[in-house]
C-alpha atoms as a PDB file:
ATOM      1  CA  UNK A   1     -12.078 -18.155  15.019  1.00  0.00           C
ATOM      2  CA  UNK A   2      -9.010 -19.080  13.282  1.00  0.00           C
ATOM      3  CA  UNK A   3      -8.464 -15.691  11.622  1.00  0.00           C
ATOM      4  CA  UNK A   4      -6.984 -13.348  13.916  1.00  0.00           C
ATOM      5  CA  UNK A   5      -5.248  -9.985  13.320  1.00  0.00           C
ATOM      6  CA  UNK A   6      -4.014  -8.700   9.739  1.00  0.00           C
ATOM      7  CA  UNK A   7      -5.070 -11.221   6.918  1.00  0.00           C
ATOM      8  CA  UNK A   8      -2.055 -11.779   4.396  1.00  0.00           C
ATOM      9  CA  UNK A   9      -3.000 -10.785   0.696  1.00  0.00           C
ATOM     10  CA  UNK A  10      -1.001  -9.969  -2.311  1.00  0.00           C
ATOM     11  CA  UNK A  11      -0.626  -6.862  -4.421  1.00  0.00           C
ATOM     12  CA  UNK A  12      -2.537  -7.936  -7.455  1.00  0.00           C
ATOM     13  CA  UNK A  13      -5.518  -8.758  -5.060  1.00  0.00           C
ATOM     14  CA  UNK A  14      -5.964  -5.156  -3.827  1.00  0.00           C
ATOM     15  CA  UNK A  15      -4.866  -3.755  -7.069  1.00  0.00           C
ATOM     16  CA  UNK A  16      -5.359  -5.780 -10.160  1.00  0.00           C
ATOM     17  CA  UNK A  17      -4.724  -3.022 -12.297  1.00  0.00           C
ATOM     18  CA  UNK A  18      -1.883  -1.273 -10.341  1.00  0.00           C
ATOM     19  CA  UNK A  19      -1.672   1.725  -8.547  1.00  0.00           C
ATOM     20  CA  UNK A  20      -0.018   5.360  -8.353  1.00  0.00           C
ATOM     21  CA  UNK A  21       1.115   7.434  -5.676  1.00  0.00           C
ATOM     22  CA  UNK A  22      -0.652  10.738  -5.250  1.00  0.00           C
ATOM     23  CA  UNK A  23       0.488  11.946  -1.729  1.00  0.00           C
ATOM     24  CA  UNK A  24       3.676  12.122   0.519  1.00  0.00           C
ATOM     25  CA  UNK A  25       4.804   9.295   2.833  1.00  0.00           C
ATOM     26  CA  UNK A  26       4.017  10.622   6.332  1.00  0.00           C
ATOM     27  CA  UNK A  27       4.422   8.802   9.621  1.00  0.00           C
ATOM     28  CA  UNK A  28       1.125   8.019  11.413  1.00  0.00           C
ATOM     29  CA  UNK A  29       0.498   9.673  14.494  1.00  0.00           C
ATOM     30  CA  UNK A  30      -0.999   7.706  17.526  1.00  0.00           C
ATOM     31  CA  UNK A  31      -3.737   9.963  18.722  1.00  0.00           C
ATOM     32  CA  UNK A  32      -4.515   7.900  21.792  1.00  0.00           C
ATOM     33  CA  UNK A  33      -0.894   8.296  23.163  1.00  0.00           C
ATOM     34  CA  UNK A  34      -0.369  11.780  22.228  1.00  0.00           C
ATOM     35  CA  UNK A  35      -1.000  14.739  24.465  1.00  0.00           C
ATOM     36  CA  UNK A  36      -1.215  18.407  23.841  1.00  0.00           C
ATOM     37  CA  UNK A  37       2.464  19.479  22.842  1.00  0.00           C
ATOM     38  CA  UNK A  38       3.648  15.717  22.855  1.00  0.00           C
ATOM     39  CA  UNK A  39       3.439  13.864  19.439  1.00  0.00           C
ATOM     40  CA  UNK A  40       3.695  10.200  19.697  1.00  0.00           C
ATOM     41  CA  UNK A  41       3.983   8.013  16.547  1.00  0.00           C
ATOM     42  CA  UNK A  42       2.339   4.773  15.958  1.00  0.00           C
ATOM     43  CA  UNK A  43       3.907   1.477  16.213  1.00  0.00           C
ATOM     44  CA  UNK A  44       2.848  -1.830  14.829  1.00  0.00           C
ATOM     45  CA  UNK A  45       1.363  -3.649  18.019  1.00  0.00           C
ATOM     46  CA  UNK A  46       2.823  -6.987  16.463  1.00  0.00           C
ATOM     47  CA  UNK A  47       6.196  -5.882  14.853  1.00  0.00           C
ATOM     48  CA  UNK A  48       7.114  -2.746  17.043  1.00  0.00           C
ATOM     49  CA  UNK A  49       7.998  -1.100  13.543  1.00  0.00           C
ATOM     50  CA  UNK A  50       7.057   2.646  13.094  1.00  0.00           C
ATOM     51  CA  UNK A  51       3.885   3.048  10.686  1.00  0.00           C
ATOM     52  CA  UNK A  52       4.030   5.260   7.817  1.00  0.00           C
ATOM     53  CA  UNK A  53       1.324   6.031   5.089  1.00  0.00           C
ATOM     54  CA  UNK A  54       1.219   7.160   1.644  1.00  0.00           C
ATOM     55  CA  UNK A  55      -1.921   8.095  -0.435  1.00  0.00           C
ATOM     56  CA  UNK A  56      -2.407   6.099  -3.497  1.00  0.00           C
ATOM     57  CA  UNK A  57      -4.915   5.954  -6.648  1.00  0.00           C
ATOM     58  CA  UNK A  58      -5.905   2.846  -7.487  1.00  0.00           C
ATOM     59  CA  UNK A  59      -5.903   2.295 -11.213  1.00  0.00           C
ATOM     60  CA  UNK A  60      -8.966   0.107 -11.682  1.00  0.00           C
ATOM     61  CA  UNK A  61     -11.396   2.038 -14.188  1.00  0.00           C
ATOM     62  CA  UNK A  62     -14.195   0.348 -12.578  1.00  0.00           C
ATOM     63  CA  UNK A  63     -13.417   1.667  -9.087  1.00  0.00           C
ATOM     64  CA  UNK A  64     -15.963   4.819  -8.370  1.00  0.00           C
ATOM     65  CA  UNK A  65     -14.324   8.111  -7.936  1.00  0.00           C
ATOM     66  CA  UNK A  66     -14.895   8.679  -4.238  1.00  0.00           C
ATOM     67  CA  UNK A  67     -13.328   5.264  -3.642  1.00  0.00           C
ATOM     68  CA  UNK A  68     -10.040   5.754  -6.035  1.00  0.00           C
ATOM     69  CA  UNK A  69      -7.770   6.894  -3.415  1.00  0.00           C
ATOM     70  CA  UNK A  70      -6.761   4.932  -0.539  1.00  0.00           C
ATOM     71  CA  UNK A  71      -4.035   5.199   2.298  1.00  0.00           C
ATOM     72  CA  UNK A  72      -1.586   2.421   2.122  1.00  0.00           C
ATOM     73  CA  UNK A  73       0.550   2.024   5.866  1.00  0.00           C
ATOM     74  CA  UNK A  74       4.093   0.835   5.515  1.00  0.00           C
ATOM     75  CA  UNK A  75       5.533  -0.698   8.615  1.00  0.00           C
ATOM     76  CA  UNK A  76       9.110   0.316   8.476  1.00  0.00           C
ATOM     77  CA  UNK A  77      12.018   1.447  10.991  1.00  0.00           C
ATOM     78  CA  UNK A  78      12.750   4.348   8.765  1.00  0.00           C
ATOM     79  CA  UNK A  79      10.780   6.434   6.227  1.00  0.00           C
ATOM     80  CA  UNK A  80      10.081   4.807   3.007  1.00  0.00           C
ATOM     81  CA  UNK A  81      11.185   6.346  -0.184  1.00  0.00           C
ATOM     82  CA  UNK A  82       8.818   6.359  -3.069  1.00  0.00           C
ATOM     83  CA  UNK A  83      10.426   4.870  -6.404  1.00  0.00           C
ATOM     84  CA  UNK A  84      11.419   7.324  -9.100  1.00  0.00           C
ATOM     85  CA  UNK A  85       8.826   8.903 -11.226  1.00  0.00           C
ATOM     86  CA  UNK A  86       8.687   7.803 -14.896  1.00  0.00           C
ATOM     87  CA  UNK A  87       8.968  10.445 -17.570  1.00  0.00           C
ATOM     88  CA  UNK A  88       5.503  11.270 -19.171  1.00  0.00           C
ATOM     89  CA  UNK A  89       3.482  10.129 -16.181  1.00  0.00           C
ATOM     90  CA  UNK A  90       1.746  12.490 -13.840  1.00  0.00           C
ATOM     91  CA  UNK A  91       1.689   9.937 -11.125  1.00  0.00           C
ATOM     92  CA  UNK A  92       4.261   7.593  -9.876  1.00  0.00           C
ATOM     93  CA  UNK A  93       3.518   4.029 -10.111  1.00  0.00           C
ATOM     94  CA  UNK A  94       3.977   1.678  -7.081  1.00  0.00           C
ATOM     95  CA  UNK A  95       3.924  -1.733  -6.068  1.00  0.00           C
ATOM     96  CA  UNK A  96       3.627  -3.016  -2.198  1.00  0.00           C
ATOM     97  CA  UNK A  97       5.251  -6.085  -0.770  1.00  0.00           C
ATOM     98  CA  UNK A  98       4.063  -7.851   2.271  1.00  0.00           C
ATOM     99  CA  UNK A  99       0.629  -6.690   1.984  1.00  0.00           C
ATOM    100  CA  UNK A 100      -2.136  -7.564   4.802  1.00  0.00           C
ATOM    101  CA  UNK A 101      -5.658  -6.026   5.264  1.00  0.00           C
ATOM    102  CA  UNK A 102      -7.517  -5.635   8.552  1.00  0.00           C
ATOM    103  CA  UNK A 103     -11.608  -5.329   8.413  1.00  0.00           C
ATOM    104  CA  UNK A 104     -12.772  -2.761  10.573  1.00  0.00           C
ATOM    105  CA  UNK A 105     -16.201  -1.104  11.025  1.00  0.00           C
ATOM    106  CA  UNK A 106     -15.830   2.833   9.961  1.00  0.00           C
ATOM    107  CA  UNK A 107     -17.546   5.464  12.163  1.00  0.00           C
ATOM    108  CA  UNK A 108     -20.140   5.700   9.392  1.00  0.00           C
ATOM    109  CA  UNK A 109     -21.000   1.991  10.657  1.00  0.00           C
ATOM    110  CA  UNK A 110     -19.601   0.475   7.125  1.00  0.00           C
ATOM    111  CA  UNK A 111     -17.356  -2.331   6.686  1.00  0.00           C
ATOM    112  CA  UNK A 112     -13.545  -0.878   5.771  1.00  0.00           C
ATOM    113  CA  UNK A 113     -10.263  -2.032   5.362  1.00  0.00           C
ATOM    114  CA  UNK A 114      -6.823  -0.957   6.738  1.00  0.00           C
ATOM    115  CA  UNK A 115      -4.339  -2.054   4.055  1.00  0.00           C
ATOM    116  CA  UNK A 116      -0.610  -2.601   5.355  1.00  0.00           C
ATOM    117  CA  UNK A 117       2.621  -3.417   3.817  1.00  0.00           C
ATOM    118  CA  UNK A 118       6.174  -4.027   4.519  1.00  0.00           C
ATOM    119  CA  UNK A 119       7.905  -2.564   1.223  1.00  0.00           C
ATOM    120  CA  UNK A 120       7.130  -0.084  -1.422  1.00  0.00           C
ATOM    121  CA  UNK A 121       9.039  -0.573  -4.835  1.00  0.00           C
ATOM    122  CA  UNK A 122       8.886   0.503  -8.414  1.00  0.00           C
ATOM    123  CA  UNK A 123       6.486  -2.214 -10.519  1.00  0.00           C
ATOM    124  CA  UNK A 124       8.814  -4.648 -12.279  1.00  0.00           C
ATOM    125  CA  UNK A 125       8.966  -4.789 -15.711  1.00  0.00           C
ATOM    126  CA  UNK A 126       7.060  -7.720 -17.441  1.00  0.00           C
ATOM    127  CA  UNK A 127       9.435 -10.803 -17.728  1.00  0.00           C
ATOM    128  CA  UNK A 128      10.140 -11.393 -21.567  1.00  0.00           C
ATOM    129  CA  UNK A 129       7.534 -13.674 -23.064  1.00  0.00           C
ATOM    130  CA  UNK A 130       8.361 -17.416 -23.734  1.00  0.00           C
ATOM    131  CA  UNK A 131       7.682 -19.582 -26.621  1.00  0.00           C
ATOM    132  CA  UNK A 132       6.140 -23.048 -26.261  1.00  0.00           C
ATOM    133  CA  UNK A 133       9.787 -24.369 -26.563  1.00  0.00           C
ATOM    134  CA  UNK A 134      10.723 -22.013 -23.719  1.00  0.00           C
ATOM    135  CA  UNK A 135      12.863 -19.594 -25.582  1.00  0.00           C
ATOM    136  CA  UNK A 136      12.506 -15.955 -25.217  1.00  0.00           C
ATOM    137  CA  UNK A 137       9.977 -14.325 -27.918  1.00  0.00           C
ATOM    138  CA  UNK A 138      11.778 -10.943 -29.821  1.00  0.00           C
ATOM    139  CA  UNK A 139       9.746  -8.121 -29.307  1.00  0.00           C
END
């Protein structure tokens, strides 16, 4: 089979309506390598980078309530810092770069996906609209 390992994907394919941080950034434990009293943290098998995770809420109104919150794993040598929160919003909007998904069969026997990224940042402001002549349209 030609596909091996994580499948590259872009943010808009995973979260077409955007997403919001709803949890803290935490380092992922390697439960297989950890022993009683000794915690070992997970590293990516390909890059060797430390693995962190953050819970995000999918802003897609069509997603079922039980599937709205997912964990995104971030590969980084240091703890990623969430973007600053915006005034008037209860949650912080976030965007991820360098995304990939890895399909797997869950303990319930269902197809699931592990979502990974290499960068967490604030969503960019939209670029100014352009007219047919290529000039910016005033707001």
